[in-house]
Amino acid sequence: MKKAFIVAICLTAIVFSSSAQVRWNAEYQAYIDQYKDIAIEEMAQYHIPASITLAQGLLESGAGKSYLSRQGNNHFGIKSHGWSGRTIRHDDDKKQELFRAYDNPRESYEDHSRFLANRERYQRLFSLHITDYKGWANGLKACGYATNPKYAQRLISIIETYKLYEYDQMKPQRHEVAQRREEPVSTRSRATYTVHPINAYNQNYYVYARRGDSFESIGREMGISASNLAKYNERNVSEQLHEGDVIYLGKKQKKADKRFKKVLHTVKQGESMYSIAQTYGMRLSSLYKLNHLDPDYQIRQGDKLRVY
């Protein structure tokens, strides 16, 4: 995982001093806001501090920008040892090593929890108190999770810079919704969504689209009309959804959170104006207006955009 770790750090342009002090970074904060609820859910089930899960995800995936996370949804640099699922090749300690690949980031988070919980060498960590993030950070390094000698210090520095330890005392926020009224045809059709609060992004809420979902199916389960749901997300009601799409349950605001007032978003490869607007929980039309751009403007990698 050493090379993947180095690449991830370079991609996010985070500079560490000799004391491993981390500077606050908007991309790291956006990643935290996006995945904190999953980390808390995993903590409740596996007793792994949410702060540790988030800090590892940030480091190993470069805040979701690394090759493994973009192409294989692998946020923790876990190799394919004992894995029967889909794989992806990437240069690490050796050329073109096999890594686990997932259908979406949530699967990566879930597998990370199982990876730690089911391996003997990590078992002593589970005797630590859930709030002992320093013990976990040092224990992961001692147990051989990563080869970088400053791995533990970097985890701790990230946790303290972004106050991730606050999540170690939180409980999952599940919002159980009414089941579909029609007779279910499968176990999946009875499943409910987890509604995620985005407190940093204008108090809006969202769900992840599941395979085969539509605005109609989500709206039916959420008690929201399909037309309104599509309108909130600035899409056509008949548009096809993809698994993992973020679907907001309320009208988005005109700006991102005020923390991003002096922050410019740097456009990454593969991003669109719409995906950026969804990331910050803001309206697409407002993103164009804030940047004095015409709707037909084609953004380019490296462009700087205001989000507040």
C-alpha atoms as a PDB file:
ATOM      1  CA  MET A   1       0.000   0.000   0.000  1.00  0.00           C
ATOM      2  CA  LYS A   2       3.032   2.288   0.230  1.00  0.00           C
ATOM      3  CA  LYS A   3       2.993   3.583  -3.343  1.00  0.00           C
ATOM      4  CA  ALA A   4      -0.782   3.981  -3.397  1.00  0.00           C
ATOM      5  CA  PHE A   5      -0.473   5.970  -0.196  1.00  0.00           C
ATOM      6  CA  ILE A   6       2.137   8.296  -1.706  1.00  0.00           C
ATOM      7  CA  VAL A   7       0.119   8.795  -4.882  1.00  0.00           C
ATOM      8  CA  ALA A   8      -2.986   9.581  -2.858  1.00  0.00           C
ATOM      9  CA  ILE A   9      -1.179  12.277  -0.918  1.00  0.00           C
ATOM     10  CA  CYS A  10       0.210  13.839  -4.097  1.00  0.00           C
ATOM     11  CA  LEU A  11      -3.209  13.886  -5.731  1.00  0.00           C
ATOM     12  CA  THR A  12      -4.720  15.936  -2.960  1.00  0.00           C
ATOM     13  CA  ALA A  13      -1.703  18.242  -2.643  1.00  0.00           C
ATOM     14  CA  ILE A  14      -1.582  17.864   1.116  1.00  0.00           C
ATOM     15  CA  VAL A  15       1.741  18.893   2.578  1.00  0.00           C
ATOM     16  CA  PHE A  16       2.951  17.187   5.751  1.00  0.00           C
ATOM     17  CA  SER A  17       5.670  18.716   7.890  1.00  0.00           C
ATOM     18  CA  SER A  18       8.266  16.695   9.763  1.00  0.00           C
ATOM     19  CA  SER A  19       5.835  16.498  12.655  1.00  0.00           C
ATOM     20  CA  ALA A  20       3.140  15.124  10.335  1.00  0.00           C
ATOM     21  CA  GLN A  21       0.905  18.145  10.914  1.00  0.00           C
ATOM     22  CA  VAL A  22      -1.957  18.344   8.430  1.00  0.00           C
ATOM     23  CA  ARG A  23      -3.277  21.565   6.960  1.00  0.00           C
ATOM     24  CA  TRP A  24      -7.058  21.936   6.594  1.00  0.00           C
ATOM     25  CA  ASN A  25      -8.128  21.113   3.059  1.00  0.00           C
ATOM     26  CA  ALA A  26     -11.548  21.637   1.461  1.00  0.00           C
ATOM     27  CA  GLU A  27     -11.390  18.385  -0.514  1.00  0.00           C
ATOM     28  CA  TYR A  28     -10.691  16.403   2.640  1.00  0.00           C
ATOM     29  CA  GLN A  29     -13.633  18.105   4.366  1.00  0.00           C
ATOM     30  CA  ALA A  30     -15.927  17.356   1.432  1.00  0.00           C
ATOM     31  CA  TYR A  31     -14.890  13.685   1.595  1.00  0.00           C
ATOM     32  CA  ILE A  32     -15.600  13.585   5.319  1.00  0.00           C
ATOM     33  CA  ASP A  33     -19.039  15.122   4.844  1.00  0.00           C
ATOM     34  CA  GLN A  34     -19.821  12.580   2.138  1.00  0.00           C
ATOM     35  CA  TYR A  35     -18.774   9.416   3.981  1.00  0.00           C
ATOM     36  CA  LYS A  36     -19.064  10.178   7.700  1.00  0.00           C
ATOM     37  CA  ASP A  37     -22.505   8.559   8.005  1.00  0.00           C
ATOM     38  CA  ILE A  38     -21.255   5.299   6.520  1.00  0.00           C
ATOM     39  CA  ALA A  39     -18.266   5.341   8.870  1.00  0.00           C
ATOM     40  CA  ILE A  40     -20.587   5.820  11.852  1.00  0.00           C
ATOM     41  CA  GLU A  41     -22.821   2.956  10.689  1.00  0.00           C
ATOM     42  CA  GLU A  42     -19.791   0.684  10.341  1.00  0.00           C
ATOM     43  CA  MET A  43     -18.594   1.724  13.814  1.00  0.00           C
ATOM     44  CA  ALA A  44     -21.928   0.700  15.327  1.00  0.00           C
ATOM     45  CA  GLN A  45     -21.691  -2.740  13.737  1.00  0.00           C
ATOM     46  CA  TYR A  46     -17.982  -3.540  14.018  1.00  0.00           C
ATOM     47  CA  HIS A  47     -16.697  -1.344  16.866  1.00  0.00           C
ATOM     48  CA  ILE A  48     -14.071   0.358  14.683  1.00  0.00           C
ATOM     49  CA  PRO A  49     -13.815   4.085  15.498  1.00  0.00           C
ATOM     50  CA  ALA A  50     -15.430   6.178  12.770  1.00  0.00           C
ATOM     51  CA  SER A  51     -12.506   8.574  13.063  1.00  0.00           C
ATOM     52  CA  ILE A  52     -10.063   5.812  12.150  1.00  0.00           C
ATOM     53  CA  THR A  53     -12.170   4.615   9.219  1.00  0.00           C
ATOM     54  CA  LEU A  54     -12.471   8.137   7.799  1.00  0.00           C
ATOM     55  CA  ALA A  55      -8.800   8.959   8.323  1.00  0.00           C
ATOM     56  CA  GLN A  56      -7.726   5.732   6.621  1.00  0.00           C
ATOM     57  CA  GLY A  57     -10.126   6.337   3.759  1.00  0.00           C
ATOM     58  CA  LEU A  58      -8.735   9.835   3.292  1.00  0.00           C
ATOM     59  CA  LEU A  59      -5.122   8.708   3.262  1.00  0.00           C
ATOM     60  CA  GLU A  60      -5.497   5.562   1.200  1.00  0.00           C
ATOM     61  CA  SER A  61      -7.820   7.099  -1.415  1.00  0.00           C
ATOM     62  CA  GLY A  62      -6.441  10.635  -1.540  1.00  0.00           C
ATOM     63  CA  ALA A  63      -9.899  11.929  -0.547  1.00  0.00           C
ATOM     64  CA  GLY A  64     -11.487   9.745  -3.206  1.00  0.00           C
ATOM     65  CA  LYS A  65      -9.208  10.951  -6.020  1.00  0.00           C
ATOM     66  CA  SER A  66      -6.779   8.027  -6.295  1.00  0.00           C
ATOM     67  CA  TYR A  67      -6.811   5.619  -9.237  1.00  0.00           C
ATOM     68  CA  LEU A  68      -8.029   2.732  -7.097  1.00  0.00           C
ATOM     69  CA  SER A  69     -10.931   4.711  -5.641  1.00  0.00           C
ATOM     70  CA  ARG A  70     -11.950   6.235  -8.977  1.00  0.00           C
ATOM     71  CA  GLN A  71     -11.694   3.085 -11.068  1.00  0.00           C
ATOM     72  CA  GLY A  72     -12.442   0.400  -8.493  1.00  0.00           C
ATOM     73  CA  ASN A  73     -14.220   2.201  -5.625  1.00  0.00           C
ATOM     74  CA  ASN A  74     -11.392   0.890  -3.413  1.00  0.00           C
ATOM     75  CA  HIS A  75     -10.966   3.526  -0.686  1.00  0.00           C
ATOM     76  CA  PHE A  76      -8.634   1.549   1.599  1.00  0.00           C
ATOM     77  CA  GLY A  77      -5.986   0.100  -0.702  1.00  0.00           C
ATOM     78  CA  ILE A  78      -6.973  -3.475   0.128  1.00  0.00           C
ATOM     79  CA  LYS A  79      -5.335  -6.052  -2.118  1.00  0.00           C
ATOM     80  CA  SER A  80      -7.103  -9.076  -3.571  1.00  0.00           C
ATOM     81  CA  HIS A  81      -5.764 -11.691  -1.106  1.00  0.00           C
ATOM     82  CA  GLY A  82      -8.565 -14.187  -0.493  1.00  0.00           C
ATOM     83  CA  TRP A  83     -10.961 -12.167  -2.653  1.00  0.00           C
ATOM     84  CA  SER A  84     -13.318 -13.833  -5.125  1.00  0.00           C
ATOM     85  CA  GLY A  85     -14.901 -10.670  -6.453  1.00  0.00           C
ATOM     86  CA  ARG A  86     -13.937  -8.196  -9.162  1.00  0.00           C
ATOM     87  CA  THR A  87     -10.337  -6.963  -9.175  1.00  0.00           C
ATOM     88  CA  ILE A  88      -8.292  -4.095 -10.578  1.00  0.00           C
ATOM     89  CA  ARG A  89      -4.567  -3.868 -11.324  1.00  0.00           C
ATOM     90  CA  HIS A  90      -2.350  -1.104  -9.981  1.00  0.00           C
ATOM     91  CA  ASP A  91       1.368  -0.562  -9.337  1.00  0.00           C
ATOM     92  CA  ASP A  92       2.148  -0.777  -5.629  1.00  0.00           C
ATOM     93  CA  ASP A  93       5.008  -2.645  -3.939  1.00  0.00           C
ATOM     94  CA  LYS A  94       5.176  -4.578  -7.214  1.00  0.00           C
ATOM     95  CA  LYS A  95       4.075  -3.794 -10.760  1.00  0.00           C
ATOM     96  CA  GLN A  96       0.408  -4.359 -11.645  1.00  0.00           C
ATOM     97  CA  GLU A  97      -0.690  -5.920  -8.374  1.00  0.00           C
ATOM     98  CA  LEU A  98      -4.275  -7.063  -7.946  1.00  0.00           C
ATOM     99  CA  PHE A  99      -6.578  -5.026  -5.721  1.00  0.00           C
ATOM    100  CA  ARG A 100     -10.178  -5.545  -4.738  1.00  0.00           C
ATOM    101  CA  ALA A 101     -12.785  -3.643  -6.744  1.00  0.00           C
ATOM    102  CA  TYR A 102     -16.312  -2.744  -5.651  1.00  0.00           C
ATOM    103  CA  ASP A 103     -19.550  -1.589  -7.232  1.00  0.00           C
ATOM    104  CA  ASN A 104     -19.714   1.497  -5.013  1.00  0.00           C
ATOM    105  CA  PRO A 105     -17.836   3.169  -2.116  1.00  0.00           C
ATOM    106  CA  ARG A 106     -20.195   1.758   0.511  1.00  0.00           C
ATOM    107  CA  GLU A 107     -19.088  -1.765  -0.388  1.00  0.00           C
ATOM    108  CA  SER A 108     -15.483  -0.681   0.119  1.00  0.00           C
ATOM    109  CA  TYR A 109     -16.276   0.669   3.583  1.00  0.00           C
ATOM    110  CA  GLU A 110     -18.116  -2.506   4.516  1.00  0.00           C
ATOM    111  CA  ASP A 111     -15.281  -4.716   3.285  1.00  0.00           C
ATOM    112  CA  HIS A 112     -12.742  -2.612   5.197  1.00  0.00           C
ATOM    113  CA  SER A 113     -14.643  -3.341   8.401  1.00  0.00           C
ATOM    114  CA  ARG A 114     -14.750  -7.076   7.681  1.00  0.00           C
ATOM    115  CA  PHE A 115     -11.070  -7.019   6.674  1.00  0.00           C
ATOM    116  CA  LEU A 116     -10.058  -5.737  10.107  1.00  0.00           C
ATOM    117  CA  ALA A 117     -12.609  -7.703  12.122  1.00  0.00           C
ATOM    118  CA  ASN A 118     -11.866 -11.086  10.555  1.00  0.00           C
ATOM    119  CA  ARG A 119      -8.062 -11.064  10.709  1.00  0.00           C
ATOM    120  CA  GLU A 120      -6.245 -12.383  13.755  1.00  0.00           C
ATOM    121  CA  ARG A 121      -3.453  -9.807  13.662  1.00  0.00           C
ATOM    122  CA  TYR A 122      -5.913  -6.949  14.246  1.00  0.00           C
ATOM    123  CA  GLN A 123      -7.929  -8.610  17.008  1.00  0.00           C
ATOM    124  CA  ARG A 124      -6.121  -6.886  19.879  1.00  0.00           C
ATOM    125  CA  LEU A 125      -7.298  -3.520  18.568  1.00  0.00           C
ATOM    126  CA  PHE A 126     -10.910  -4.427  19.293  1.00  0.00           C
ATOM    127  CA  SER A 127     -10.180  -4.483  23.028  1.00  0.00           C
ATOM    128  CA  LEU A 128      -9.441  -0.733  22.882  1.00  0.00           C
ATOM    129  CA  HIS A 129     -12.075   1.806  23.837  1.00  0.00           C
ATOM    130  CA  ILE A 130     -14.032   3.148  20.875  1.00  0.00           C
ATOM    131  CA  THR A 131     -12.698   6.650  21.563  1.00  0.00           C
ATOM    132  CA  ASP A 132      -9.043   5.576  21.693  1.00  0.00           C
ATOM    133  CA  TYR A 133      -8.165   6.695  18.170  1.00  0.00           C
ATOM    134  CA  LYS A 134      -4.483   7.061  19.075  1.00  0.00           C
ATOM    135  CA  GLY A 135      -4.346   3.453  20.238  1.00  0.00           C
ATOM    136  CA  TRP A 136      -6.020   2.333  17.020  1.00  0.00           C
ATOM    137  CA  ALA A 137      -3.713   4.432  14.827  1.00  0.00           C
ATOM    138  CA  ASN A 138      -0.569   3.110  16.485  1.00  0.00           C
ATOM    139  CA  GLY A 139      -1.990  -0.406  16.558  1.00  0.00           C
ATOM    140  CA  LEU A 140      -2.734  -0.431  12.834  1.00  0.00           C
ATOM    141  CA  LYS A 141       0.839   0.592  12.099  1.00  0.00           C
ATOM    142  CA  ALA A 142       2.234  -1.996  14.536  1.00  0.00           C
ATOM    143  CA  CYS A 143       0.046  -4.712  13.008  1.00  0.00           C
ATOM    144  CA  GLY A 144       1.397  -3.965   9.547  1.00  0.00           C
ATOM    145  CA  TYR A 145      -1.542  -2.268   7.819  1.00  0.00           C
ATOM    146  CA  ALA A 146       0.854   0.152   6.073  1.00  0.00           C
ATOM    147  CA  THR A 147       4.614   0.359   5.594  1.00  0.00           C
ATOM    148  CA  ASN A 148       4.996   4.136   5.925  1.00  0.00           C
ATOM    149  CA  PRO A 149       6.787   4.836   9.235  1.00  0.00           C
ATOM    150  CA  LYS A 150       4.633   7.915   9.884  1.00  0.00           C
ATOM    151  CA  TYR A 151       1.327   6.226   9.115  1.00  0.00           C
ATOM    152  CA  ALA A 152       0.052   6.423  12.699  1.00  0.00           C
ATOM    153  CA  GLN A 153       1.075  10.074  13.130  1.00  0.00           C
ATOM    154  CA  ARG A 154      -0.667  11.018   9.908  1.00  0.00           C
ATOM    155  CA  LEU A 155      -3.879   9.296  10.919  1.00  0.00           C
ATOM    156  CA  ILE A 156      -3.814  11.044  14.288  1.00  0.00           C
ATOM    157  CA  SER A 157      -3.029  14.426  12.740  1.00  0.00           C
ATOM    158  CA  ILE A 158      -5.934  14.134  10.289  1.00  0.00           C
ATOM    159  CA  ILE A 159      -8.299  13.065  13.062  1.00  0.00           C
ATOM    160  CA  GLU A 160      -7.322  16.028  15.231  1.00  0.00           C
ATOM    161  CA  THR A 161      -7.257  18.597  12.415  1.00  0.00           C
ATOM    162  CA  TYR A 162     -10.782  17.710  11.276  1.00  0.00           C
ATOM    163  CA  LYS A 163     -12.049  16.754  14.753  1.00  0.00           C
ATOM    164  CA  LEU A 164     -13.036  13.314  13.515  1.00  0.00           C
ATOM    165  CA  TYR A 165     -12.986  12.044  17.104  1.00  0.00           C
ATOM    166  CA  GLU A 166     -16.383  13.716  17.539  1.00  0.00           C
ATOM    167  CA  TYR A 167     -17.903  11.030  15.292  1.00  0.00           C
ATOM    168  CA  ASP A 168     -16.678   8.298  17.636  1.00  0.00           C
ATOM    169  CA  GLN A 169     -19.410   9.265  20.091  1.00  0.00           C
ATOM    170  CA  MET A 170     -22.239   9.403  17.558  1.00  0.00           C
ATOM    171  CA  LYS A 171     -24.883   6.848  16.692  1.00  0.00           C
ATOM    172  CA  PRO A 172     -26.185   6.019  13.194  1.00  0.00           C
ATOM    173  CA  GLN A 173     -28.990   8.282  12.044  1.00  0.00           C
ATOM    174  CA  ARG A 174     -31.360   5.951  10.262  1.00  0.00           C
ATOM    175  CA  HIS A 175     -34.616   7.217   8.885  1.00  0.00           C
ATOM    176  CA  GLU A 176     -36.936   4.302   8.297  1.00  0.00           C
ATOM    177  CA  VAL A 177     -39.497   5.050   5.610  1.00  0.00           C
ATOM    178  CA  ALA A 178     -42.763   3.420   4.762  1.00  0.00           C
ATOM    179  CA  GLN A 179     -42.540   0.258   2.710  1.00  0.00           C
ATOM    180  CA  ARG A 180     -43.957   0.120  -0.815  1.00  0.00           C
ATOM    181  CA  ARG A 181     -47.709  -0.264  -0.822  1.00  0.00           C
ATOM    182  CA  GLU A 182     -47.841  -2.806  -3.635  1.00  0.00           C
ATOM    183  CA  GLU A 183     -47.127  -6.461  -2.905  1.00  0.00           C
ATOM    184  CA  PRO A 184     -43.345  -6.903  -3.007  1.00  0.00           C
ATOM    185  CA  VAL A 185     -41.935  -9.229  -5.647  1.00  0.00           C
ATOM    186  CA  SER A 186     -38.588  -9.725  -3.949  1.00  0.00           C
ATOM    187  CA  THR A 187     -36.720  -9.188  -0.716  1.00  0.00           C
ATOM    188  CA  ARG A 188     -35.046  -6.131  -2.251  1.00  0.00           C
ATOM    189  CA  SER A 189     -38.357  -4.402  -2.879  1.00  0.00           C
ATOM    190  CA  ARG A 190     -39.030  -4.415   0.860  1.00  0.00           C
ATOM    191  CA  ALA A 191     -35.710  -2.782   1.684  1.00  0.00           C
ATOM    192  CA  THR A 192     -35.673   0.758   3.036  1.00  0.00           C
ATOM    193  CA  TYR A 193     -33.138   3.439   2.344  1.00  0.00           C
ATOM    194  CA  THR A 194     -30.780   5.054   4.805  1.00  0.00           C
ATOM    195  CA  VAL A 195     -31.375   8.785   4.639  1.00  0.00           C
ATOM    196  CA  HIS A 196     -28.163  10.707   5.159  1.00  0.00           C
ATOM    197  CA  PRO A 197     -28.125  14.213   6.635  1.00  0.00           C
ATOM    198  CA  ILE A 198     -25.622  16.599   5.059  1.00  0.00           C
ATOM    199  CA  ASN A 199     -25.409  19.072   7.911  1.00  0.00           C
ATOM    200  CA  ALA A 200     -22.510  20.908   6.303  1.00  0.00           C
ATOM    201  CA  TYR A 201     -24.387  21.345   3.051  1.00  0.00           C
ATOM    202  CA  ASN A 202     -27.442  23.456   3.818  1.00  0.00           C
ATOM    203  CA  GLN A 203     -29.180  20.902   6.040  1.00  0.00           C
ATOM    204  CA  ASN A 204     -30.266  18.875   3.017  1.00  0.00           C
ATOM    205  CA  TYR A 205     -30.782  15.110   2.980  1.00  0.00           C
ATOM    206  CA  TYR A 206     -29.984  12.484   0.375  1.00  0.00           C
ATOM    207  CA  VAL A 207     -30.141   8.789  -0.413  1.00  0.00           C
ATOM    208  CA  TYR A 208     -27.972   6.654  -2.686  1.00  0.00           C
ATOM    209  CA  ALA A 209     -29.803   5.289  -5.712  1.00  0.00           C
ATOM    210  CA  ARG A 210     -29.874   1.505  -5.875  1.00  0.00           C
ATOM    211  CA  ARG A 211     -29.518  -0.646  -8.956  1.00  0.00           C
ATOM    212  CA  GLY A 212     -32.660  -0.368 -11.077  1.00  0.00           C
ATOM    213  CA  ASP A 213     -34.012   2.666  -9.212  1.00  0.00           C
ATOM    214  CA  SER A 214     -35.900   5.533 -10.786  1.00  0.00           C
ATOM    215  CA  PHE A 215     -37.249   8.812  -9.446  1.00  0.00           C
ATOM    216  CA  GLU A 216     -40.628   7.107  -9.273  1.00  0.00           C
ATOM    217  CA  SER A 217     -39.418   4.160  -7.181  1.00  0.00           C
ATOM    218  CA  ILE A 218     -37.418   6.351  -4.791  1.00  0.00           C
ATOM    219  CA  GLY A 219     -40.199   8.887  -4.541  1.00  0.00           C
ATOM    220  CA  ARG A 220     -42.718   6.188  -3.736  1.00  0.00           C
ATOM    221  CA  GLU A 221     -40.603   4.934  -0.845  1.00  0.00           C
ATOM    222  CA  MET A 222     -39.759   8.419   0.398  1.00  0.00           C
ATOM    223  CA  GLY A 223     -43.289   9.762   0.148  1.00  0.00           C
ATOM    224  CA  ILE A 224     -42.199  12.403  -2.370  1.00  0.00           C
ATOM    225  CA  SER A 225     -43.628  12.792  -5.852  1.00  0.00           C
ATOM    226  CA  ALA A 226     -41.304  11.665  -8.622  1.00  0.00           C
ATOM    227  CA  SER A 227     -41.641  15.027 -10.371  1.00  0.00           C
ATOM    228  CA  ASN A 228     -40.589  16.944  -7.254  1.00  0.00           C
ATOM    229  CA  LEU A 229     -37.713  14.580  -6.585  1.00  0.00           C
ATOM    230  CA  ALA A 230     -36.433  15.045 -10.133  1.00  0.00           C
ATOM    231  CA  LYS A 231     -36.896  18.801  -9.816  1.00  0.00           C
ATOM    232  CA  TYR A 232     -34.894  18.920  -6.574  1.00  0.00           C
ATOM    233  CA  ASN A 233     -32.044  17.148  -8.364  1.00  0.00           C
ATOM    234  CA  GLU A 234     -32.376  19.206 -11.553  1.00  0.00           C
ATOM    235  CA  ARG A 235     -33.007  16.192 -13.747  1.00  0.00           C
ATOM    236  CA  ASN A 236     -35.737  14.860 -15.991  1.00  0.00           C
ATOM    237  CA  VAL A 237     -38.227  12.629 -14.205  1.00  0.00           C
ATOM    238  CA  SER A 238     -37.804   9.916 -16.846  1.00  0.00           C
ATOM    239  CA  GLU A 239     -34.001  10.022 -16.722  1.00  0.00           C
ATOM    240  CA  GLN A 240     -32.239   6.753 -15.907  1.00  0.00           C
ATOM    241  CA  LEU A 241     -30.507   6.621 -12.525  1.00  0.00           C
ATOM    242  CA  HIS A 242     -27.283   4.769 -11.800  1.00  0.00           C
ATOM    243  CA  GLU A 243     -26.419   2.852  -8.662  1.00  0.00           C
ATOM    244  CA  GLY A 244     -24.680   5.153  -6.198  1.00  0.00           C
ATOM    245  CA  ASP A 245     -26.155   8.398  -7.565  1.00  0.00           C
ATOM    246  CA  VAL A 246     -26.769  10.962  -4.819  1.00  0.00           C
ATOM    247  CA  ILE A 247     -30.449  11.906  -4.823  1.00  0.00           C
ATOM    248  CA  TYR A 248     -31.429  14.894  -2.696  1.00  0.00           C
ATOM    249  CA  LEU A 249     -34.777  14.803  -0.902  1.00  0.00           C
ATOM    250  CA  GLY A 250     -35.224  18.560  -0.702  1.00  0.00           C
ATOM    251  CA  LYS A 251     -34.584  21.644  -2.770  1.00  0.00           C
ATOM    252  CA  LYS A 252     -30.906  22.536  -2.980  1.00  0.00           C
ATOM    253  CA  GLN A 253     -29.665  25.971  -1.954  1.00  0.00           C
ATOM    254  CA  LYS A 254     -28.051  28.651  -4.092  1.00  0.00           C
ATOM    255  CA  LYS A 255     -24.644  28.341  -2.459  1.00  0.00           C
ATOM    256  CA  ALA A 256     -22.488  25.818  -0.666  1.00  0.00           C
ATOM    257  CA  ASP A 257     -21.855  26.074   3.054  1.00  0.00           C
ATOM    258  CA  LYS A 258     -20.228  29.325   4.171  1.00  0.00           C
ATOM    259  CA  ARG A 259     -17.059  27.417   5.062  1.00  0.00           C
ATOM    260  CA  PHE A 260     -16.386  27.404   1.329  1.00  0.00           C
ATOM    261  CA  LYS A 261     -16.752  31.171   0.979  1.00  0.00           C
ATOM    262  CA  LYS A 262     -13.062  31.666   0.244  1.00  0.00           C
ATOM    263  CA  VAL A 263     -12.457  28.276  -1.342  1.00  0.00           C
ATOM    264  CA  LEU A 264     -12.237  27.692  -5.087  1.00  0.00           C
ATOM    265  CA  HIS A 265     -13.079  24.238  -6.398  1.00  0.00           C
ATOM    266  CA  THR A 266     -10.447  22.880  -8.781  1.00  0.00           C
ATOM    267  CA  VAL A 267     -12.084  20.860 -11.545  1.00  0.00           C
ATOM    268  CA  LYS A 268     -10.840  17.282 -11.679  1.00  0.00           C
ATOM    269  CA  GLN A 269     -10.797  14.918 -14.630  1.00  0.00           C
ATOM    270  CA  GLY A 270     -14.246  13.468 -15.267  1.00  0.00           C
ATOM    271  CA  GLU A 271     -16.130  16.120 -13.299  1.00  0.00           C
ATOM    272  CA  SER A 272     -19.008  18.121 -14.743  1.00  0.00           C
ATOM    273  CA  MET A 273     -20.767  21.244 -13.589  1.00  0.00           C
ATOM    274  CA  TYR A 274     -23.635  19.030 -12.455  1.00  0.00           C
ATOM    275  CA  SER A 275     -21.471  16.614 -10.460  1.00  0.00           C
ATOM    276  CA  ILE A 276     -19.783  19.567  -8.757  1.00  0.00           C
ATOM    277  CA  ALA A 277     -23.137  21.122  -7.890  1.00  0.00           C
ATOM    278  CA  GLN A 278     -24.272  17.802  -6.410  1.00  0.00           C
ATOM    279  CA  THR A 279     -21.066  17.519  -4.389  1.00  0.00           C
ATOM    280  CA  TYR A 280     -21.719  20.844  -2.672  1.00  0.00           C
ATOM    281  CA  GLY A 281     -25.490  20.442  -2.430  1.00  0.00           C
ATOM    282  CA  MET A 282     -26.154  23.549  -4.518  1.00  0.00           C
ATOM    283  CA  ARG A 283     -28.204  24.361  -7.607  1.00  0.00           C
ATOM    284  CA  LEU A 284     -26.569  23.918 -10.987  1.00  0.00           C
ATOM    285  CA  SER A 285     -27.939  27.221 -12.246  1.00  0.00           C
ATOM    286  CA  SER A 286     -26.405  28.999  -9.257  1.00  0.00           C
ATOM    287  CA  LEU A 287     -23.012  27.423  -9.933  1.00  0.00           C
ATOM    288  CA  TYR A 288     -23.062  28.846 -13.454  1.00  0.00           C
ATOM    289  CA  LYS A 289     -24.247  32.240 -12.188  1.00  0.00           C
ATOM    290  CA  LEU A 290     -21.635  32.470  -9.418  1.00  0.00           C
ATOM    291  CA  ASN A 291     -18.906  31.924 -11.991  1.00  0.00           C
ATOM    292  CA  HIS A 292     -20.422  34.130 -14.719  1.00  0.00           C
ATOM    293  CA  LEU A 293     -20.563  31.193 -17.124  1.00  0.00           C
ATOM    294  CA  ASP A 294     -23.008  30.451 -19.915  1.00  0.00           C
ATOM    295  CA  PRO A 295     -24.917  27.136 -19.646  1.00  0.00           C
ATOM    296  CA  ASP A 296     -23.143  25.855 -22.748  1.00  0.00           C
ATOM    297  CA  TYR A 297     -19.667  26.469 -21.315  1.00  0.00           C
ATOM    298  CA  GLN A 298     -17.546  23.314 -21.238  1.00  0.00           C
ATOM    299  CA  ILE A 299     -15.401  23.199 -18.108  1.00  0.00           C
ATOM    300  CA  ARG A 300     -11.851  21.919 -18.322  1.00  0.00           C
ATOM    301  CA  GLN A 301      -9.633  20.098 -15.874  1.00  0.00           C
ATOM    302  CA  GLY A 302      -7.882  22.666 -13.717  1.00  0.00           C
ATOM    303  CA  ASP A 303     -10.612  25.319 -13.921  1.00  0.00           C
ATOM    304  CA  LYS A 304     -11.270  27.169 -10.650  1.00  0.00           C
ATOM    305  CA  LEU A 305     -14.897  27.574  -9.618  1.00  0.00           C
ATOM    306  CA  ARG A 306     -16.593  29.526  -6.866  1.00  0.00           C
ATOM    307  CA  VAL A 307     -19.175  27.561  -4.917  1.00  0.00           C
ATOM    308  CA  TYR A 308     -20.212  30.290  -2.479  1.00  0.00           C
END
